[in-house]
N, C-alpha and C. Protein backbone atom coordinates (compact mmCIF):
# COMPACT_ATOMS: atom_id res chain seq x y z
N MET A 1 5.34 -6.57 15.96
CA MET A 1 6.62 -6.74 16.86
C MET A 1 7.11 -5.68 17.46
N LYS A 2 7.72 -5.66 18.60
CA LYS A 2 8.16 -4.72 19.41
C LYS A 2 9.71 -4.73 19.50
N LEU A 3 10.33 -3.74 19.17
CA LEU A 3 11.81 -3.82 19.09
C LEU A 3 12.37 -2.69 19.82
N MET A 4 13.40 -3.00 20.62
CA MET A 4 14.10 -1.85 21.49
C MET A 4 15.38 -1.59 20.72
N ILE A 5 15.77 -0.32 20.46
CA ILE A 5 16.88 0.01 19.74
C ILE A 5 17.83 0.89 20.60
N ALA A 6 19.10 0.50 20.75
CA ALA A 6 20.04 1.22 21.64
C ALA A 6 21.37 1.34 20.76
N SER A 7 22.11 2.27 21.35
CA SER A 7 23.49 2.40 20.51
C SER A 7 24.52 2.98 21.64
N ASP A 8 25.75 2.72 21.27
CA ASP A 8 26.85 3.29 21.82
C ASP A 8 26.94 2.93 23.49
N ILE A 9 27.08 1.78 23.81
CA ILE A 9 27.27 1.50 25.36
C ILE A 9 28.62 1.68 25.82
N HIS A 10 29.59 1.51 24.91
CA HIS A 10 30.97 2.06 25.20
C HIS A 10 31.67 1.32 26.44
N GLY A 11 31.19 0.11 26.77
CA GLY A 11 31.84 -0.60 27.91
C GLY A 11 31.23 -0.25 29.25
N SER A 12 30.26 0.41 29.38
CA SER A 12 29.74 0.97 30.71
C SER A 12 28.81 -0.05 31.18
N ASP A 13 29.19 -0.89 32.38
CA ASP A 13 28.47 -1.80 32.94
C ASP A 13 27.26 -1.04 33.65
N THR A 14 27.40 0.18 34.01
CA THR A 14 26.26 0.93 34.83
C THR A 14 25.16 1.04 33.76
N TYR A 15 25.53 1.54 32.64
CA TYR A 15 24.25 1.93 31.61
C TYR A 15 23.82 0.79 30.92
N CYS A 16 24.74 -0.29 30.79
CA CYS A 16 24.32 -1.56 30.17
C CYS A 16 23.20 -2.26 31.06
N GLU A 17 23.41 -2.20 32.42
CA GLU A 17 22.54 -2.88 33.30
C GLU A 17 21.28 -2.06 33.29
N LYS A 18 21.21 -0.86 33.25
CA LYS A 18 19.99 0.11 33.06
C LYS A 18 19.32 -0.30 31.83
N MET A 19 20.15 -0.34 30.77
CA MET A 19 19.64 -0.70 29.35
C MET A 19 18.78 -1.96 29.47
N LEU A 20 19.29 -3.02 29.97
CA LEU A 20 18.83 -4.29 30.07
C LEU A 20 17.54 -4.28 31.07
N GLU A 21 17.51 -3.64 32.09
CA GLU A 21 16.42 -3.44 32.76
C GLU A 21 15.44 -2.82 32.11
N SER A 22 15.60 -1.72 31.32
CA SER A 22 14.54 -1.08 30.46
C SER A 22 13.98 -2.10 29.38
N PHE A 23 14.98 -2.96 28.84
CA PHE A 23 14.59 -3.95 27.93
C PHE A 23 13.64 -4.94 28.46
N ALA A 24 13.76 -5.35 29.71
CA ALA A 24 12.89 -6.26 30.52
C ALA A 24 11.62 -5.60 30.67
N ARG A 25 11.59 -4.30 31.25
CA ARG A 25 10.44 -3.55 31.53
C ARG A 25 9.50 -3.33 30.33
N GLU A 26 10.20 -3.02 29.02
CA GLU A 26 9.48 -2.71 27.94
C GLU A 26 8.85 -4.02 27.32
N GLY A 27 9.33 -5.22 27.52
CA GLY A 27 8.84 -6.36 26.97
C GLY A 27 8.88 -6.59 25.42
N ALA A 28 9.93 -5.93 24.95
CA ALA A 28 10.43 -6.07 23.60
C ALA A 28 10.86 -7.53 23.20
N GLU A 29 10.53 -7.85 21.98
CA GLU A 29 10.93 -9.17 21.57
C GLU A 29 12.47 -9.18 21.32
N ARG A 30 12.96 -8.32 20.72
CA ARG A 30 14.33 -8.14 20.35
C ARG A 30 14.89 -6.75 20.78
N LEU A 31 16.29 -6.79 21.02
CA LEU A 31 17.11 -5.65 21.27
C LEU A 31 18.24 -5.38 20.26
N LEU A 32 18.03 -4.37 19.50
CA LEU A 32 18.90 -4.14 18.30
C LEU A 32 20.01 -3.06 18.91
N LEU A 33 21.10 -3.45 18.79
CA LEU A 33 22.42 -2.73 19.22
C LEU A 33 23.10 -2.10 17.91
N LEU A 34 23.22 -0.88 17.99
CA LEU A 34 23.76 -0.02 16.84
C LEU A 34 25.34 0.12 16.91
N GLY A 35 25.96 -0.78 17.60
CA GLY A 35 27.48 -0.72 17.66
C GLY A 35 28.07 0.07 18.85
N ASP A 36 29.32 0.01 18.90
CA ASP A 36 30.22 0.47 19.81
C ASP A 36 29.76 0.03 21.28
N ILE A 37 30.12 -1.33 21.41
CA ILE A 37 29.56 -1.94 22.64
C ILE A 37 30.56 -1.97 23.80
N LEU A 38 31.91 -2.30 23.50
CA LEU A 38 32.73 -2.60 24.58
C LEU A 38 33.88 -1.33 24.84
N TYR A 39 34.24 -0.77 23.68
CA TYR A 39 35.46 0.12 23.96
C TYR A 39 34.92 1.58 23.93
N HIS A 40 35.37 2.58 24.52
CA HIS A 40 34.95 3.87 24.68
C HIS A 40 35.44 4.64 23.52
N GLY A 41 36.63 4.27 22.84
CA GLY A 41 37.17 5.14 21.71
C GLY A 41 37.97 6.16 22.24
N PRO A 42 38.92 6.70 21.34
CA PRO A 42 39.93 7.66 21.66
C PRO A 42 39.37 9.00 21.82
N ARG A 43 38.13 9.29 21.36
CA ARG A 43 37.58 10.61 21.31
C ARG A 43 36.66 10.83 22.50
N ASN A 44 36.37 9.68 23.15
CA ASN A 44 35.29 9.81 24.33
C ASN A 44 35.94 9.68 25.65
N ASP A 45 35.47 10.30 26.68
CA ASP A 45 35.86 10.18 28.08
C ASP A 45 35.51 8.71 28.44
N LEU A 46 36.14 8.18 29.36
CA LEU A 46 35.72 6.92 29.83
C LEU A 46 34.32 7.14 30.56
N PRO A 47 33.43 6.18 30.23
CA PRO A 47 31.82 6.46 30.69
C PRO A 47 31.89 5.93 32.13
N ASP A 48 30.86 6.37 32.88
CA ASP A 48 30.68 6.00 34.09
C ASP A 48 30.44 4.42 34.24
N GLY A 49 31.07 3.88 35.24
CA GLY A 49 31.01 2.30 35.28
C GLY A 49 31.65 1.57 34.17
N TYR A 50 32.75 2.24 33.66
CA TYR A 50 33.48 1.37 32.52
C TYR A 50 34.02 -0.03 33.15
N ALA A 51 33.36 -1.10 32.38
CA ALA A 51 33.77 -2.43 33.01
C ALA A 51 33.31 -3.33 31.81
N PRO A 52 34.17 -3.45 30.82
CA PRO A 52 33.78 -4.11 29.54
C PRO A 52 33.54 -5.64 29.82
N LYS A 53 34.28 -6.30 30.82
CA LYS A 53 34.11 -7.64 30.88
C LYS A 53 32.78 -7.85 31.72
N LYS A 54 32.32 -6.94 32.54
CA LYS A 54 30.87 -7.14 32.91
C LYS A 54 29.79 -6.95 31.94
N VAL A 55 30.09 -5.96 30.93
CA VAL A 55 29.18 -5.78 29.78
C VAL A 55 29.01 -7.06 28.93
N ILE A 56 30.23 -7.69 28.71
CA ILE A 56 30.21 -8.97 28.07
C ILE A 56 29.45 -9.91 28.74
N GLU A 57 29.58 -10.06 29.97
CA GLU A 57 28.72 -11.10 30.73
C GLU A 57 27.24 -10.84 30.70
N ARG A 58 26.89 -9.50 30.74
CA ARG A 58 25.44 -9.18 30.79
C ARG A 58 24.84 -9.37 29.34
N LEU A 59 25.59 -9.15 28.35
CA LEU A 59 24.91 -9.18 26.90
C LEU A 59 25.03 -10.66 26.47
N ASN A 60 26.07 -11.30 26.91
CA ASN A 60 26.03 -12.89 26.55
C ASN A 60 24.79 -13.49 27.12
N SER A 61 24.48 -12.94 28.32
CA SER A 61 23.23 -13.71 28.95
C SER A 61 21.95 -13.65 28.23
N VAL A 62 21.78 -12.56 27.29
CA VAL A 62 20.63 -12.35 26.70
C VAL A 62 20.85 -12.53 25.08
N LYS A 63 22.00 -13.24 24.66
CA LYS A 63 22.46 -13.25 23.37
C LYS A 63 21.26 -13.73 22.47
N GLN A 64 20.31 -14.47 22.80
CA GLN A 64 19.22 -15.09 21.84
C GLN A 64 18.36 -13.98 21.41
N LYS A 65 18.28 -12.73 22.28
CA LYS A 65 17.30 -11.70 21.91
C LYS A 65 18.11 -10.47 21.18
N LEU A 66 19.33 -10.62 20.95
CA LEU A 66 20.18 -9.59 20.48
C LEU A 66 20.22 -9.57 18.99
N LEU A 67 20.15 -8.39 18.28
CA LEU A 67 20.59 -8.06 16.97
C LEU A 67 21.53 -7.01 17.05
N CYS A 68 22.65 -7.10 16.19
CA CYS A 68 23.71 -6.04 16.43
C CYS A 68 24.60 -5.77 15.15
N VAL A 69 24.83 -4.45 15.00
CA VAL A 69 25.57 -4.05 13.79
C VAL A 69 26.84 -3.54 14.48
N ARG A 70 27.98 -3.55 13.50
CA ARG A 70 29.38 -3.18 14.04
C ARG A 70 29.39 -1.70 13.99
N GLY A 71 29.98 -1.05 15.26
CA GLY A 71 30.43 0.08 15.32
C GLY A 71 31.88 0.66 15.02
N ASN A 72 32.28 1.68 14.87
CA ASN A 72 33.53 2.06 14.71
C ASN A 72 34.65 1.69 15.66
N CYS A 73 34.16 1.43 16.94
CA CYS A 73 34.99 1.08 18.01
C CYS A 73 35.03 -0.63 18.23
N ASP A 74 34.08 -1.21 17.41
CA ASP A 74 34.14 -2.73 17.56
C ASP A 74 35.19 -3.51 16.77
N THR A 75 35.70 -4.58 17.28
CA THR A 75 36.67 -5.17 16.51
C THR A 75 36.53 -6.56 16.70
N GLU A 76 37.55 -7.28 15.84
CA GLU A 76 37.35 -8.94 15.78
C GLU A 76 37.76 -9.42 17.24
N VAL A 77 38.65 -8.67 17.96
CA VAL A 77 38.91 -9.11 19.41
C VAL A 77 37.55 -9.08 20.16
N ASP A 78 36.66 -7.98 20.00
CA ASP A 78 35.54 -7.94 20.81
C ASP A 78 34.56 -9.28 20.43
N GLN A 79 34.58 -9.71 19.06
CA GLN A 79 33.85 -10.76 18.59
C GLN A 79 34.22 -12.07 19.31
N MET A 80 35.41 -12.10 19.57
CA MET A 80 35.96 -13.41 20.25
C MET A 80 35.37 -13.63 21.54
N VAL A 81 34.90 -12.66 22.25
CA VAL A 81 34.45 -12.70 23.69
C VAL A 81 32.88 -12.52 23.67
N LEU A 82 32.23 -12.03 22.78
CA LEU A 82 30.97 -11.89 22.56
C LEU A 82 30.24 -13.11 21.90
N GLU A 83 29.23 -13.60 22.40
CA GLU A 83 28.62 -14.90 21.93
C GLU A 83 27.45 -14.69 20.82
N PHE A 84 27.40 -13.53 20.31
CA PHE A 84 26.27 -12.98 19.22
C PHE A 84 27.22 -12.20 18.22
N PRO A 85 26.74 -12.37 16.88
CA PRO A 85 27.50 -11.58 15.94
C PRO A 85 27.34 -9.96 16.15
N ILE A 86 28.52 -9.45 15.94
CA ILE A 86 28.68 -8.01 15.99
C ILE A 86 29.31 -7.35 14.83
N LEU A 87 29.83 -8.00 13.94
CA LEU A 87 30.72 -7.63 12.88
C LEU A 87 30.03 -7.31 11.68
N ALA A 88 28.68 -7.31 11.42
CA ALA A 88 27.93 -6.87 10.21
C ALA A 88 27.89 -5.40 10.14
N ASP A 89 28.23 -4.84 9.11
CA ASP A 89 28.09 -3.38 8.89
C ASP A 89 26.88 -2.82 8.77
N TYR A 90 25.91 -3.72 8.44
CA TYR A 90 24.44 -3.30 8.54
C TYR A 90 23.49 -4.39 8.68
N SER A 91 22.31 -4.18 8.88
CA SER A 91 21.27 -5.21 8.98
C SER A 91 19.92 -4.57 8.30
N ILE A 92 19.38 -5.55 7.49
CA ILE A 92 17.93 -4.93 7.08
C ILE A 92 16.92 -5.71 7.68
N ILE A 93 16.05 -4.88 8.20
CA ILE A 93 14.83 -5.50 8.95
C ILE A 93 13.65 -4.96 8.29
N CYS A 94 12.53 -5.70 7.98
CA CYS A 94 11.36 -5.33 7.52
C CYS A 94 10.29 -5.20 8.69
N MET A 95 9.63 -4.17 8.93
CA MET A 95 8.68 -3.87 9.86
C MET A 95 7.57 -2.89 9.36
N GLY A 96 6.35 -3.21 9.58
CA GLY A 96 5.41 -2.16 9.25
C GLY A 96 5.24 -1.96 7.73
N GLY A 97 5.72 -3.01 6.86
CA GLY A 97 5.82 -2.78 5.41
C GLY A 97 6.75 -1.95 4.90
N ARG A 98 7.85 -1.54 5.76
CA ARG A 98 8.90 -0.78 5.24
C ARG A 98 10.28 -1.57 5.70
N ALA A 99 11.29 -1.20 4.69
CA ALA A 99 12.64 -1.61 4.98
C ALA A 99 13.46 -0.64 5.93
N ILE A 100 13.89 -1.34 6.89
CA ILE A 100 14.75 -0.51 7.93
C ILE A 100 16.19 -0.92 7.84
N TYR A 101 17.07 -0.01 7.36
CA TYR A 101 18.49 -0.18 7.30
C TYR A 101 19.20 0.13 8.64
N ALA A 102 19.75 -0.78 9.36
CA ALA A 102 20.37 -0.44 10.57
C ALA A 102 21.82 -0.48 10.48
N THR A 103 22.57 0.62 10.77
CA THR A 103 23.81 0.54 10.71
C THR A 103 24.45 1.45 12.05
N HIS A 104 25.80 1.57 12.18
CA HIS A 104 26.21 2.56 13.22
C HIS A 104 26.14 3.95 12.95
N GLY A 105 26.64 4.44 11.81
CA GLY A 105 26.39 5.68 11.40
C GLY A 105 27.69 6.32 11.10
N HIS A 106 28.82 5.81 11.24
CA HIS A 106 30.04 6.23 10.91
C HIS A 106 30.33 6.29 9.30
N VAL A 107 29.68 5.42 8.56
CA VAL A 107 29.85 5.33 7.12
C VAL A 107 28.54 6.05 6.55
N TYR A 108 27.48 5.37 6.85
CA TYR A 108 26.11 5.86 6.32
C TYR A 108 25.36 6.54 7.50
N ASN A 109 24.78 7.76 7.22
CA ASN A 109 24.07 8.44 8.19
C ASN A 109 23.07 9.39 7.40
N GLU A 110 22.57 10.23 8.16
CA GLU A 110 21.36 11.25 7.51
C GLU A 110 21.93 12.13 6.52
N ASP A 111 23.38 12.32 6.43
CA ASP A 111 24.11 13.11 5.29
C ASP A 111 24.71 12.38 4.33
N LYS A 112 24.85 11.01 4.48
CA LYS A 112 25.30 10.19 3.34
C LYS A 112 24.51 8.79 3.54
N LEU A 113 23.48 8.87 2.77
CA LEU A 113 22.53 7.83 2.76
C LEU A 113 23.10 6.62 2.06
N PRO A 114 22.74 5.32 2.58
CA PRO A 114 23.04 4.09 1.70
C PRO A 114 21.90 3.99 0.66
N PRO A 115 22.13 3.11 -0.26
CA PRO A 115 21.04 3.01 -1.33
C PRO A 115 19.70 2.53 -0.89
N LEU A 116 18.74 3.56 -0.56
CA LEU A 116 17.41 3.13 -0.07
C LEU A 116 16.43 4.07 -0.82
N MET A 117 15.23 3.38 -0.94
CA MET A 117 14.19 4.02 -1.58
C MET A 117 13.33 5.01 -0.66
N SER A 118 12.70 5.75 -1.26
CA SER A 118 11.85 6.93 -0.45
C SER A 118 10.75 6.08 0.25
N GLY A 119 10.79 6.40 1.63
CA GLY A 119 9.73 5.56 2.27
C GLY A 119 10.65 4.58 3.38
N ASP A 120 11.73 4.29 3.04
CA ASP A 120 12.63 3.41 3.77
C ASP A 120 13.03 4.19 5.02
N ILE A 121 13.71 3.51 6.00
CA ILE A 121 14.07 4.03 7.28
C ILE A 121 15.64 3.76 7.56
N LEU A 122 16.28 4.68 7.78
CA LEU A 122 17.79 4.47 8.16
C LEU A 122 17.78 4.64 9.82
N LEU A 123 18.19 3.51 10.37
CA LEU A 123 18.59 3.72 11.91
C LEU A 123 20.10 3.80 11.89
N TYR A 124 20.51 4.78 12.78
CA TYR A 124 22.05 4.97 12.96
C TYR A 124 22.21 5.40 14.40
N GLY A 125 23.46 5.27 15.00
CA GLY A 125 23.93 5.82 16.24
C GLY A 125 25.12 6.72 15.98
N HIS A 126 26.12 6.47 16.68
CA HIS A 126 27.47 7.04 16.38
C HIS A 126 27.57 8.55 16.91
N THR A 127 26.56 9.41 16.69
CA THR A 127 26.81 10.83 17.13
C THR A 127 26.30 10.98 18.48
N HIS A 128 25.71 10.02 19.17
CA HIS A 128 25.28 10.26 20.66
C HIS A 128 24.22 11.18 20.81
N ILE A 129 23.57 11.60 19.68
CA ILE A 129 22.48 12.62 19.81
C ILE A 129 21.21 12.11 19.23
N PRO A 130 20.21 11.96 20.03
CA PRO A 130 18.90 11.52 19.39
C PRO A 130 18.26 12.37 18.56
N LYS A 131 17.76 11.88 17.41
CA LYS A 131 16.97 12.77 16.57
C LYS A 131 16.30 12.06 15.47
N HIS A 132 15.42 12.69 14.73
CA HIS A 132 14.96 12.07 13.46
C HIS A 132 14.88 13.24 12.44
N SER A 133 14.97 12.88 11.24
CA SER A 133 15.06 13.69 10.08
C SER A 133 14.60 12.93 8.85
N GLU A 134 14.38 13.76 7.74
CA GLU A 134 14.16 13.10 6.44
C GLU A 134 15.15 13.64 5.48
N ASN A 135 15.68 12.78 4.54
CA ASN A 135 16.40 13.18 3.52
C ASN A 135 16.06 12.28 2.28
N ASN A 136 15.58 13.08 1.21
CA ASN A 136 15.09 12.41 0.10
C ASN A 136 14.14 11.30 0.31
N GLY A 137 13.23 11.60 1.04
CA GLY A 137 12.11 10.64 1.44
C GLY A 137 12.49 9.55 2.28
N VAL A 138 13.77 9.48 2.71
CA VAL A 138 14.26 8.45 3.75
C VAL A 138 14.19 8.92 5.19
N VAL A 139 13.48 8.24 5.97
CA VAL A 139 13.48 8.79 7.39
C VAL A 139 14.71 8.24 8.17
N CYS A 140 15.38 9.33 8.80
CA CYS A 140 16.57 8.98 9.43
C CYS A 140 16.33 9.02 10.85
N ILE A 141 16.67 7.81 11.68
CA ILE A 141 16.35 8.05 13.09
C ILE A 141 17.72 7.57 13.89
N ASN A 142 17.98 8.27 15.01
CA ASN A 142 19.06 8.05 15.87
C ASN A 142 18.45 7.98 17.38
N PRO A 143 18.77 6.81 18.00
CA PRO A 143 18.25 6.75 19.32
C PRO A 143 19.28 7.42 20.45
N GLY A 144 20.34 8.18 20.07
CA GLY A 144 21.29 8.74 21.04
C GLY A 144 22.07 7.69 21.53
N SER A 145 22.76 7.90 22.80
CA SER A 145 23.56 7.05 23.25
C SER A 145 23.13 6.48 24.82
N VAL A 146 23.38 5.10 24.94
CA VAL A 146 23.05 4.69 26.29
C VAL A 146 23.98 5.16 27.23
N SER A 147 25.13 5.33 27.01
CA SER A 147 26.13 5.85 28.22
C SER A 147 26.85 7.06 28.10
N ILE A 148 27.08 7.66 26.80
CA ILE A 148 27.72 8.93 26.77
C ILE A 148 26.91 9.84 25.94
N PRO A 149 25.90 10.31 26.30
CA PRO A 149 25.00 11.17 25.65
C PRO A 149 25.69 12.57 25.36
N LYS A 150 25.48 13.14 24.28
CA LYS A 150 26.29 14.39 23.90
C LYS A 150 25.10 15.58 23.60
N ASN A 151 25.55 16.73 23.47
CA ASN A 151 24.82 18.04 23.16
C ASN A 151 23.50 18.12 24.23
N GLY A 152 23.79 17.77 25.46
CA GLY A 152 22.75 17.88 26.45
C GLY A 152 21.58 16.93 26.42
N SER A 153 21.94 15.92 25.70
CA SER A 153 20.63 14.90 25.47
C SER A 153 20.86 13.94 26.61
N CYS A 154 19.91 12.98 26.92
CA CYS A 154 19.79 12.11 28.07
C CYS A 154 20.35 10.57 27.39
N HIS A 155 20.52 9.85 28.50
CA HIS A 155 20.94 8.43 28.28
C HIS A 155 19.58 7.78 27.70
N SER A 156 19.66 7.29 26.42
CA SER A 156 18.29 6.83 25.96
C SER A 156 18.30 5.75 24.96
N TYR A 157 17.18 5.35 24.54
CA TYR A 157 16.98 4.29 23.61
C TYR A 157 15.59 4.59 23.00
N ILE A 158 15.27 3.65 21.99
CA ILE A 158 13.94 3.81 21.19
C ILE A 158 13.25 2.55 21.31
N ILE A 159 11.96 2.67 21.40
CA ILE A 159 11.13 1.42 21.22
C ILE A 159 10.32 1.73 19.88
N CYS A 160 10.43 0.64 19.16
CA CYS A 160 9.72 0.60 17.70
C CYS A 160 8.77 -0.44 17.81
N ASP A 161 7.50 -0.13 17.36
CA ASP A 161 6.44 -1.08 17.49
C ASP A 161 5.53 -0.91 16.23
N ASP A 162 5.17 -2.09 15.61
CA ASP A 162 4.34 -2.03 14.38
C ASP A 162 2.94 -2.65 14.72
N SER A 163 2.71 -2.89 16.05
CA SER A 163 1.55 -3.70 16.51
C SER A 163 0.05 -3.19 16.03
N ASP A 164 0.07 -1.79 15.91
CA ASP A 164 -1.23 -1.07 15.55
C ASP A 164 -1.28 -0.94 13.99
N GLY A 165 -0.56 -1.39 13.20
CA GLY A 165 -0.61 -1.28 11.73
C GLY A 165 0.25 -0.17 11.19
N LYS A 166 0.69 0.81 12.20
CA LYS A 166 1.58 1.74 11.87
C LYS A 166 3.01 1.54 12.57
N LEU A 167 3.93 2.12 12.13
CA LEU A 167 5.31 2.14 12.68
C LEU A 167 5.47 3.32 13.62
N SER A 168 5.66 2.98 14.96
CA SER A 168 5.96 4.05 15.89
C SER A 168 7.37 3.87 16.41
N PHE A 169 7.92 5.06 16.73
CA PHE A 169 9.23 5.13 17.30
C PHE A 169 9.01 6.12 18.42
N VAL A 170 9.52 5.56 19.69
CA VAL A 170 9.25 6.21 20.88
C VAL A 170 10.58 6.45 21.55
N TRP A 171 11.39 7.79 21.77
CA TRP A 171 12.54 7.77 22.39
C TRP A 171 12.29 7.94 23.83
N LYS A 172 13.04 7.12 24.62
CA LYS A 172 12.90 7.06 26.12
C LYS A 172 14.17 7.36 26.76
N GLN A 173 14.00 7.91 27.96
CA GLN A 173 15.15 7.95 28.82
C GLN A 173 15.31 6.42 29.41
N LEU A 174 16.48 6.11 30.00
CA LEU A 174 16.64 4.77 30.64
C LEU A 174 15.73 4.40 31.78
N ASP A 175 15.10 5.40 32.44
CA ASP A 175 14.05 5.22 33.42
C ASP A 175 12.70 5.07 32.85
N GLY A 176 12.60 5.10 31.58
CA GLY A 176 11.33 4.71 30.94
C GLY A 176 10.63 5.98 30.45
N ASP A 177 10.86 7.17 30.83
CA ASP A 177 10.21 8.57 30.53
C ASP A 177 10.30 8.73 29.13
N GLU A 178 9.23 9.10 28.43
CA GLU A 178 9.00 9.18 27.09
C GLU A 178 9.44 10.65 26.69
N TYR A 179 10.35 10.99 25.64
CA TYR A 179 10.48 12.50 25.50
C TYR A 179 10.42 12.87 24.08
N MET A 180 10.19 11.97 23.10
CA MET A 180 10.07 12.17 21.68
C MET A 180 9.39 11.00 21.03
N SER A 181 8.63 11.29 19.92
CA SER A 181 7.92 10.11 19.23
C SER A 181 7.82 10.45 17.80
N LEU A 182 7.67 9.38 16.97
CA LEU A 182 7.41 9.50 15.53
C LEU A 182 6.65 8.44 15.05
N ILE A 183 5.43 8.70 14.45
CA ILE A 183 4.59 7.64 13.88
C ILE A 183 4.68 7.80 12.34
N ILE A 184 5.10 6.72 11.69
CA ILE A 184 5.11 6.56 10.17
C ILE A 184 4.05 5.76 9.65
């Protein structure tokens, strides 16, 4: 299975469009969104191309391919206009013989792990900084942000693939250029 992982769109139609172009180009079966879809939040500047109504339209058009968890900026009002579930605090996905716990990152993250076993994977966003680390045997992975990257990082996403018997994570810029990878 090939999965695209992205986080923190924050209502940017500009970067949502680029993300969906990347999704089509990558040929992934599903797009996993790690929250903060429509609202930019009080701590972030307005992202380029801020147009939540256009983001709603774009994402609803691919709703069958989306998996999503709730970010700290996502609300019940957002769920009323989005035609796919966004209010789950986490999702557990099995790939490559491993449990992947997907969440936004404002509650559980690399510093505060959910109840996972050594060898499991924690996917989280929230910080807008792409990275990977390990904590007590749990691999912690962050794709960064689609629209508001921080600490000099780029607008990014991850491709996760288990087709060759191993689980690979490849961080890419929205134009498709690879800049970091991890094979587990």
